[in-house]
Amino acid sequence: MTDAHGRLHHVELWVPDLGRAVAAFGWLLEELGYERFQEWSAGRSWRLGPTYLVVEQSPAMAGGRHERTAPGLNHLAFHVRDEAEVERLVAAAATRGWALMFADRHPYAGGEGHYAAYLENEDGFEVELVAPARIVPEG
């Protein structure tokens, strides 16, 4: 067994609508290689290796929409295989509850040489899909 010290164990997102969250996050996570992990009346989770992501519609939740510009979680960023996979996911995301953010600067909204897509779902959660950095030969 490898040493897990310091690695992310899980992330739990409280969502205002479990069905919407399962549809949007479930699709995306499964496209990224996560597998369904746990299911209960108020939540679901998906796992990739030792790390898992939870969406839960908790009765203790205050407010009705996530605000990424408020203190707290701004976004989740995921590694993606390559630039073509970023674009495939962007194209499919529009029918899965996600909208492309910063479309006028896509795919370099994060800066020159940072090939990524920024998606936001109906409940205000943002994900970033990041392709590996290109290595430009010198000379």
N, C-alpha and C. Protein backbone atom coordinates (compact mmCIF):
# COMPACT_ATOMS: atom_id res chain seq x y z
N MET A 1 0.85 -1.19 0.00
CA MET A 1 0.00 0.00 0.00
C MET A 1 0.89 1.24 0.00
N THR A 2 0.54 2.22 -0.80
CA THR A 2 1.32 3.45 -0.87
C THR A 2 0.93 4.39 0.27
N ASP A 3 1.84 5.26 0.62
CA ASP A 3 1.59 6.23 1.70
C ASP A 3 0.61 7.29 1.21
N ALA A 4 -0.51 7.42 1.88
CA ALA A 4 -1.54 8.39 1.48
C ALA A 4 -1.40 9.71 2.23
N HIS A 5 -0.41 9.83 3.08
CA HIS A 5 -0.24 11.04 3.89
C HIS A 5 -0.25 12.30 3.02
N GLY A 6 -1.15 13.23 3.33
CA GLY A 6 -1.22 14.51 2.62
C GLY A 6 -2.06 14.51 1.37
N ARG A 7 -2.44 13.36 0.86
CA ARG A 7 -3.29 13.33 -0.35
C ARG A 7 -4.72 13.70 0.00
N LEU A 8 -5.40 14.25 -0.97
CA LEU A 8 -6.80 14.60 -0.78
C LEU A 8 -7.62 13.32 -0.61
N HIS A 9 -8.42 13.26 0.43
CA HIS A 9 -9.25 12.09 0.71
C HIS A 9 -10.59 12.19 -0.03
N HIS A 10 -11.31 13.29 0.21
CA HIS A 10 -12.57 13.50 -0.51
C HIS A 10 -12.96 14.96 -0.46
N VAL A 11 -13.88 15.32 -1.34
CA VAL A 11 -14.49 16.64 -1.37
C VAL A 11 -15.99 16.42 -1.29
N GLU A 12 -16.66 17.19 -0.46
CA GLU A 12 -18.12 17.09 -0.35
C GLU A 12 -18.74 18.43 -0.72
N LEU A 13 -19.61 18.40 -1.71
CA LEU A 13 -20.32 19.59 -2.16
C LEU A 13 -21.78 19.49 -1.73
N TRP A 14 -22.26 20.49 -1.05
CA TRP A 14 -23.68 20.55 -0.73
C TRP A 14 -24.38 21.25 -1.87
N VAL A 15 -25.41 20.62 -2.38
CA VAL A 15 -26.09 21.09 -3.58
C VAL A 15 -27.57 21.34 -3.30
N PRO A 16 -28.16 22.31 -4.02
CA PRO A 16 -29.58 22.61 -3.78
C PRO A 16 -30.53 21.63 -4.45
N ASP A 17 -30.06 20.88 -5.44
CA ASP A 17 -30.91 19.94 -6.16
C ASP A 17 -30.09 18.70 -6.49
N LEU A 18 -30.34 17.62 -5.76
CA LEU A 18 -29.55 16.40 -5.93
C LEU A 18 -29.66 15.84 -7.34
N GLY A 19 -30.85 15.83 -7.90
CA GLY A 19 -31.03 15.29 -9.25
C GLY A 19 -30.19 16.03 -10.28
N ARG A 20 -30.22 17.36 -10.21
CA ARG A 20 -29.40 18.17 -11.14
C ARG A 20 -27.92 17.91 -10.94
N ALA A 21 -27.50 17.82 -9.68
CA ALA A 21 -26.09 17.59 -9.37
C ALA A 21 -25.64 16.22 -9.85
N VAL A 22 -26.46 15.21 -9.65
CA VAL A 22 -26.12 13.86 -10.10
C VAL A 22 -26.00 13.84 -11.62
N ALA A 23 -26.92 14.51 -12.31
CA ALA A 23 -26.87 14.53 -13.77
C ALA A 23 -25.60 15.24 -14.27
N ALA A 24 -25.29 16.41 -13.73
CA ALA A 24 -24.15 17.19 -14.20
C ALA A 24 -22.82 16.61 -13.73
N PHE A 25 -22.67 16.44 -12.42
CA PHE A 25 -21.41 15.93 -11.90
C PHE A 25 -21.21 14.46 -12.22
N GLY A 26 -22.26 13.67 -12.15
CA GLY A 26 -22.13 12.25 -12.46
C GLY A 26 -21.61 12.03 -13.86
N TRP A 27 -22.21 12.71 -14.83
CA TRP A 27 -21.73 12.58 -16.21
C TRP A 27 -20.25 12.96 -16.32
N LEU A 28 -19.90 14.13 -15.80
CA LEU A 28 -18.53 14.62 -15.94
C LEU A 28 -17.54 13.70 -15.24
N LEU A 29 -17.82 13.33 -14.01
CA LEU A 29 -16.90 12.48 -13.27
C LEU A 29 -16.71 11.12 -13.95
N GLU A 30 -17.79 10.55 -14.45
CA GLU A 30 -17.66 9.26 -15.13
C GLU A 30 -16.88 9.40 -16.44
N GLU A 31 -17.02 10.53 -17.12
CA GLU A 31 -16.22 10.78 -18.32
C GLU A 31 -14.73 10.89 -17.97
N LEU A 32 -14.44 11.35 -16.77
CA LEU A 32 -13.05 11.51 -16.33
C LEU A 32 -12.48 10.25 -15.69
N GLY A 33 -13.28 9.18 -15.64
CA GLY A 33 -12.78 7.91 -15.13
C GLY A 33 -13.20 7.56 -13.72
N TYR A 34 -13.98 8.41 -13.07
CA TYR A 34 -14.48 8.11 -11.74
C TYR A 34 -15.55 7.03 -11.86
N GLU A 35 -15.68 6.24 -10.81
CA GLU A 35 -16.71 5.21 -10.74
C GLU A 35 -17.70 5.55 -9.64
N ARG A 36 -18.95 5.16 -9.85
CA ARG A 36 -19.94 5.36 -8.79
C ARG A 36 -19.46 4.63 -7.56
N PHE A 37 -19.62 5.29 -6.41
CA PHE A 37 -19.05 4.76 -5.17
C PHE A 37 -20.13 4.52 -4.12
N GLN A 38 -20.82 5.56 -3.69
CA GLN A 38 -21.83 5.44 -2.64
C GLN A 38 -23.12 6.11 -3.09
N GLU A 39 -24.22 5.64 -2.52
CA GLU A 39 -25.53 6.24 -2.83
C GLU A 39 -26.41 6.14 -1.59
N TRP A 40 -27.06 7.24 -1.24
CA TRP A 40 -28.02 7.28 -0.15
C TRP A 40 -29.09 8.29 -0.53
N SER A 41 -30.14 8.41 0.25
CA SER A 41 -31.29 9.21 -0.16
C SER A 41 -30.94 10.67 -0.44
N ALA A 42 -29.96 11.24 0.27
CA ALA A 42 -29.64 12.65 0.08
C ALA A 42 -28.32 12.88 -0.65
N GLY A 43 -27.68 11.81 -1.15
CA GLY A 43 -26.39 12.04 -1.78
C GLY A 43 -25.88 10.90 -2.64
N ARG A 44 -24.80 11.22 -3.34
CA ARG A 44 -24.10 10.26 -4.20
C ARG A 44 -22.62 10.59 -4.14
N SER A 45 -21.78 9.58 -4.46
CA SER A 45 -20.36 9.86 -4.57
C SER A 45 -19.76 9.04 -5.71
N TRP A 46 -18.63 9.54 -6.19
CA TRP A 46 -17.86 8.89 -7.25
C TRP A 46 -16.41 8.86 -6.80
N ARG A 47 -15.70 7.77 -7.15
CA ARG A 47 -14.33 7.58 -6.68
C ARG A 47 -13.39 7.34 -7.85
N LEU A 48 -12.19 7.90 -7.70
CA LEU A 48 -11.08 7.62 -8.62
C LEU A 48 -9.88 7.34 -7.73
N GLY A 49 -9.43 6.09 -7.72
CA GLY A 49 -8.36 5.70 -6.80
C GLY A 49 -8.84 5.90 -5.38
N PRO A 50 -8.00 6.49 -4.52
CA PRO A 50 -8.39 6.66 -3.12
C PRO A 50 -9.20 7.93 -2.85
N THR A 51 -9.44 8.73 -3.87
CA THR A 51 -10.12 10.02 -3.68
C THR A 51 -11.54 9.93 -4.20
N TYR A 52 -12.47 10.53 -3.48
CA TYR A 52 -13.84 10.54 -3.97
C TYR A 52 -14.47 11.92 -3.82
N LEU A 53 -15.52 12.15 -4.61
CA LEU A 53 -16.26 13.41 -4.60
C LEU A 53 -17.71 13.10 -4.27
N VAL A 54 -18.27 13.87 -3.34
CA VAL A 54 -19.64 13.68 -2.86
C VAL A 54 -20.48 14.88 -3.28
N VAL A 55 -21.71 14.62 -3.71
CA VAL A 55 -22.72 15.67 -3.82
C VAL A 55 -23.85 15.26 -2.88
N GLU A 56 -24.28 16.23 -2.07
CA GLU A 56 -25.30 15.94 -1.08
C GLU A 56 -26.27 17.11 -0.95
N GLN A 57 -27.54 16.78 -0.90
CA GLN A 57 -28.59 17.77 -0.65
C GLN A 57 -28.94 17.66 0.82
N SER A 58 -28.19 18.39 1.64
CA SER A 58 -28.33 18.30 3.09
C SER A 58 -29.49 19.16 3.59
N PRO A 59 -30.27 18.65 4.54
CA PRO A 59 -31.32 19.48 5.13
C PRO A 59 -30.74 20.62 5.97
N ALA A 60 -29.45 20.55 6.32
CA ALA A 60 -28.81 21.60 7.12
C ALA A 60 -28.25 22.73 6.26
N MET A 61 -28.37 22.62 4.95
CA MET A 61 -27.79 23.61 4.03
C MET A 61 -28.51 24.95 4.15
N ALA A 62 -27.72 26.02 4.17
CA ALA A 62 -28.27 27.38 4.16
C ALA A 62 -28.09 27.96 2.76
N GLY A 63 -29.09 28.65 2.26
CA GLY A 63 -28.99 29.23 0.92
C GLY A 63 -29.42 28.25 -0.14
N GLY A 64 -29.58 28.78 -1.34
CA GLY A 64 -30.09 27.93 -2.41
C GLY A 64 -29.20 27.81 -3.63
N ARG A 65 -28.07 28.52 -3.65
CA ARG A 65 -27.20 28.47 -4.83
C ARG A 65 -25.76 28.69 -4.38
N HIS A 66 -24.86 27.94 -4.97
CA HIS A 66 -23.43 28.12 -4.68
C HIS A 66 -22.96 29.43 -5.31
N GLU A 67 -22.15 30.18 -4.59
CA GLU A 67 -21.60 31.43 -5.13
C GLU A 67 -20.08 31.32 -5.12
N ARG A 68 -19.52 31.05 -6.30
CA ARG A 68 -18.09 30.79 -6.41
C ARG A 68 -17.24 32.02 -6.12
N THR A 69 -17.82 33.21 -6.17
CA THR A 69 -17.04 34.41 -5.90
C THR A 69 -17.08 34.83 -4.42
N ALA A 70 -17.82 34.08 -3.60
CA ALA A 70 -17.86 34.33 -2.17
C ALA A 70 -16.74 33.53 -1.50
N PRO A 71 -16.40 33.83 -0.26
CA PRO A 71 -15.40 33.02 0.42
C PRO A 71 -15.80 31.55 0.41
N GLY A 72 -14.84 30.70 0.21
CA GLY A 72 -15.09 29.26 0.14
C GLY A 72 -14.59 28.71 -1.17
N LEU A 73 -15.18 27.66 -1.60
CA LEU A 73 -14.74 26.98 -2.82
C LEU A 73 -15.02 27.83 -4.05
N ASN A 74 -13.98 28.07 -4.86
CA ASN A 74 -14.16 28.76 -6.13
C ASN A 74 -14.43 27.74 -7.23
N HIS A 75 -13.56 26.74 -7.38
CA HIS A 75 -13.79 25.72 -8.40
C HIS A 75 -12.96 24.48 -8.12
N LEU A 76 -13.31 23.42 -8.82
CA LEU A 76 -12.54 22.17 -8.82
C LEU A 76 -11.83 22.09 -10.17
N ALA A 77 -10.58 21.68 -10.18
CA ALA A 77 -9.82 21.54 -11.42
C ALA A 77 -9.41 20.08 -11.59
N PHE A 78 -9.63 19.57 -12.80
CA PHE A 78 -9.34 18.18 -13.11
C PHE A 78 -8.34 18.09 -14.26
N HIS A 79 -7.39 17.17 -14.14
CA HIS A 79 -6.51 16.86 -15.27
C HIS A 79 -7.34 16.17 -16.34
N VAL A 80 -7.06 16.50 -17.60
CA VAL A 80 -7.71 15.85 -18.74
C VAL A 80 -6.59 15.35 -19.65
N ARG A 81 -6.83 14.24 -20.33
CA ARG A 81 -5.83 13.56 -21.14
C ARG A 81 -5.08 14.47 -22.10
N ASP A 82 -5.81 15.27 -22.88
CA ASP A 82 -5.17 16.12 -23.87
C ASP A 82 -6.14 17.20 -24.34
N GLU A 83 -5.68 18.06 -25.24
CA GLU A 83 -6.50 19.17 -25.72
C GLU A 83 -7.76 18.69 -26.44
N ALA A 84 -7.63 17.62 -27.21
CA ALA A 84 -8.79 17.09 -27.92
C ALA A 84 -9.87 16.63 -26.93
N GLU A 85 -9.44 16.06 -25.80
CA GLU A 85 -10.40 15.61 -24.79
C GLU A 85 -11.07 16.80 -24.11
N VAL A 86 -10.34 17.88 -23.89
CA VAL A 86 -10.94 19.10 -23.37
C VAL A 86 -12.08 19.53 -24.28
N GLU A 87 -11.81 19.59 -25.58
CA GLU A 87 -12.81 20.06 -26.54
C GLU A 87 -13.99 19.11 -26.66
N ARG A 88 -13.74 17.81 -26.58
CA ARG A 88 -14.83 16.83 -26.64
C ARG A 88 -15.75 17.01 -25.44
N LEU A 89 -15.17 17.20 -24.27
CA LEU A 89 -15.98 17.40 -23.07
C LEU A 89 -16.74 18.72 -23.11
N VAL A 90 -16.12 19.77 -23.61
CA VAL A 90 -16.81 21.06 -23.74
C VAL A 90 -18.03 20.91 -24.63
N ALA A 91 -17.86 20.24 -25.77
CA ALA A 91 -18.97 20.07 -26.72
C ALA A 91 -20.12 19.28 -26.09
N ALA A 92 -19.79 18.24 -25.35
CA ALA A 92 -20.83 17.40 -24.75
C ALA A 92 -21.44 18.05 -23.51
N ALA A 93 -20.68 18.90 -22.83
CA ALA A 93 -21.12 19.49 -21.57
C ALA A 93 -22.37 20.34 -21.72
N ALA A 94 -22.53 20.96 -22.87
CA ALA A 94 -23.68 21.85 -23.08
C ALA A 94 -25.01 21.12 -22.95
N THR A 95 -25.04 19.83 -23.21
CA THR A 95 -26.27 19.05 -23.09
C THR A 95 -26.35 18.32 -21.75
N ARG A 96 -25.38 18.56 -20.88
CA ARG A 96 -25.30 17.85 -19.60
C ARG A 96 -25.36 18.78 -18.39
N GLY A 97 -25.85 20.00 -18.59
CA GLY A 97 -26.01 20.91 -17.47
C GLY A 97 -24.84 21.85 -17.21
N TRP A 98 -23.90 21.94 -18.15
CA TRP A 98 -22.73 22.80 -17.99
C TRP A 98 -22.70 23.84 -19.11
N ALA A 99 -22.21 25.04 -18.79
CA ALA A 99 -22.03 26.11 -19.78
C ALA A 99 -20.56 26.53 -19.77
N LEU A 100 -20.02 26.81 -20.94
CA LEU A 100 -18.65 27.27 -21.07
C LEU A 100 -18.54 28.70 -20.55
N MET A 101 -17.61 28.92 -19.66
CA MET A 101 -17.33 30.26 -19.14
C MET A 101 -16.19 30.87 -19.96
N PHE A 102 -16.11 32.18 -19.97
CA PHE A 102 -15.01 32.89 -20.64
C PHE A 102 -14.82 32.43 -22.08
N ALA A 103 -15.92 32.25 -22.80
CA ALA A 103 -15.89 31.70 -24.16
C ALA A 103 -15.03 32.55 -25.10
N ASP A 104 -14.98 33.86 -24.87
CA ASP A 104 -14.20 34.72 -25.74
C ASP A 104 -12.69 34.51 -25.59
N ARG A 105 -12.29 33.85 -24.49
CA ARG A 105 -10.86 33.58 -24.27
C ARG A 105 -10.52 32.09 -24.27
N HIS A 106 -11.51 31.26 -24.54
CA HIS A 106 -11.31 29.81 -24.55
C HIS A 106 -10.39 29.43 -25.70
N PRO A 107 -9.45 28.54 -25.52
CA PRO A 107 -9.12 27.72 -24.36
C PRO A 107 -7.99 28.27 -23.50
N TYR A 108 -7.67 29.55 -23.65
CA TYR A 108 -6.56 30.13 -22.88
C TYR A 108 -7.03 31.16 -21.86
N ALA A 109 -8.21 30.97 -21.30
CA ALA A 109 -8.73 31.91 -20.30
C ALA A 109 -7.86 31.92 -19.05
N GLY A 110 -7.12 30.86 -18.82
CA GLY A 110 -6.23 30.79 -17.66
C GLY A 110 -4.85 31.33 -17.94
N GLY A 111 -4.63 31.82 -19.15
CA GLY A 111 -3.33 32.38 -19.51
C GLY A 111 -2.71 31.65 -20.68
N GLU A 112 -1.77 32.30 -21.30
CA GLU A 112 -1.07 31.73 -22.46
C GLU A 112 -0.39 30.43 -22.06
N GLY A 113 -0.57 29.42 -22.88
CA GLY A 113 0.04 28.13 -22.62
C GLY A 113 -0.72 27.25 -21.65
N HIS A 114 -1.82 27.74 -21.07
CA HIS A 114 -2.63 26.95 -20.13
C HIS A 114 -3.92 26.58 -20.85
N TYR A 115 -3.92 25.41 -21.48
CA TYR A 115 -5.06 24.96 -22.28
C TYR A 115 -6.08 24.33 -21.35
N ALA A 116 -7.21 25.01 -21.19
CA ALA A 116 -8.22 24.54 -20.24
C ALA A 116 -9.59 25.06 -20.63
N ALA A 117 -10.60 24.39 -20.11
CA ALA A 117 -11.98 24.85 -20.25
C ALA A 117 -12.52 25.09 -18.85
N TYR A 118 -13.29 26.15 -18.71
CA TYR A 118 -13.96 26.48 -17.46
C TYR A 118 -15.45 26.32 -17.70
N LEU A 119 -16.07 25.45 -16.91
CA LEU A 119 -17.49 25.17 -17.06
C LEU A 119 -18.21 25.51 -15.77
N GLU A 120 -19.46 25.99 -15.91
CA GLU A 120 -20.28 26.30 -14.74
C GLU A 120 -21.62 25.60 -14.92
N ASN A 121 -22.11 24.99 -13.83
CA ASN A 121 -23.42 24.35 -13.93
C ASN A 121 -24.51 25.29 -13.42
N GLU A 122 -25.74 24.85 -13.53
CA GLU A 122 -26.91 25.67 -13.20
C GLU A 122 -26.92 26.14 -11.75
N ASP A 123 -26.25 25.39 -10.88
CA ASP A 123 -26.23 25.74 -9.46
C ASP A 123 -25.02 26.58 -9.07
N GLY A 124 -24.24 27.03 -10.06
CA GLY A 124 -23.13 27.94 -9.80
C GLY A 124 -21.80 27.29 -9.50
N PHE A 125 -21.70 25.97 -9.61
CA PHE A 125 -20.43 25.30 -9.38
C PHE A 125 -19.58 25.37 -10.65
N GLU A 126 -18.28 25.62 -10.47
CA GLU A 126 -17.35 25.72 -11.59
C GLU A 126 -16.36 24.57 -11.54
N VAL A 127 -16.07 24.03 -12.72
CA VAL A 127 -14.98 23.06 -12.86
C VAL A 127 -14.05 23.56 -13.96
N GLU A 128 -12.79 23.21 -13.81
CA GLU A 128 -11.78 23.53 -14.82
C GLU A 128 -11.23 22.21 -15.32
N LEU A 129 -11.17 22.06 -16.63
CA LEU A 129 -10.62 20.87 -17.26
C LEU A 129 -9.30 21.26 -17.89
N VAL A 130 -8.19 20.72 -17.40
CA VAL A 130 -6.87 21.17 -17.77
C VAL A 130 -6.13 20.10 -18.56
N ALA A 131 -5.69 20.48 -19.78
CA ALA A 131 -4.87 19.60 -20.60
C ALA A 131 -3.41 19.73 -20.14
N PRO A 132 -2.61 18.68 -20.36
CA PRO A 132 -1.18 18.79 -20.00
C PRO A 132 -0.52 19.96 -20.74
N ALA A 133 0.43 20.58 -20.07
CA ALA A 133 1.15 21.70 -20.68
C ALA A 133 1.99 21.18 -21.84
N ARG A 134 1.99 21.95 -22.90
CA ARG A 134 2.84 21.63 -24.04
C ARG A 134 4.28 21.99 -23.72
N ILE A 135 5.18 21.13 -24.14
CA ILE A 135 6.59 21.43 -23.98
C ILE A 135 7.09 21.92 -25.33
N VAL A 136 7.50 23.17 -25.35
CA VAL A 136 7.96 23.79 -26.60
C VAL A 136 9.47 23.65 -26.65
N PRO A 137 9.98 23.00 -27.71
CA PRO A 137 11.43 22.84 -27.81
C PRO A 137 12.14 24.19 -27.98
N GLU A 138 13.30 24.30 -27.36
CA GLU A 138 14.07 25.53 -27.48
C GLU A 138 14.75 25.58 -28.83
N GLY A 139 15.01 26.84 -29.29
CA GLY A 139 15.76 27.04 -30.52
C GLY A 139 14.94 27.02 -31.68
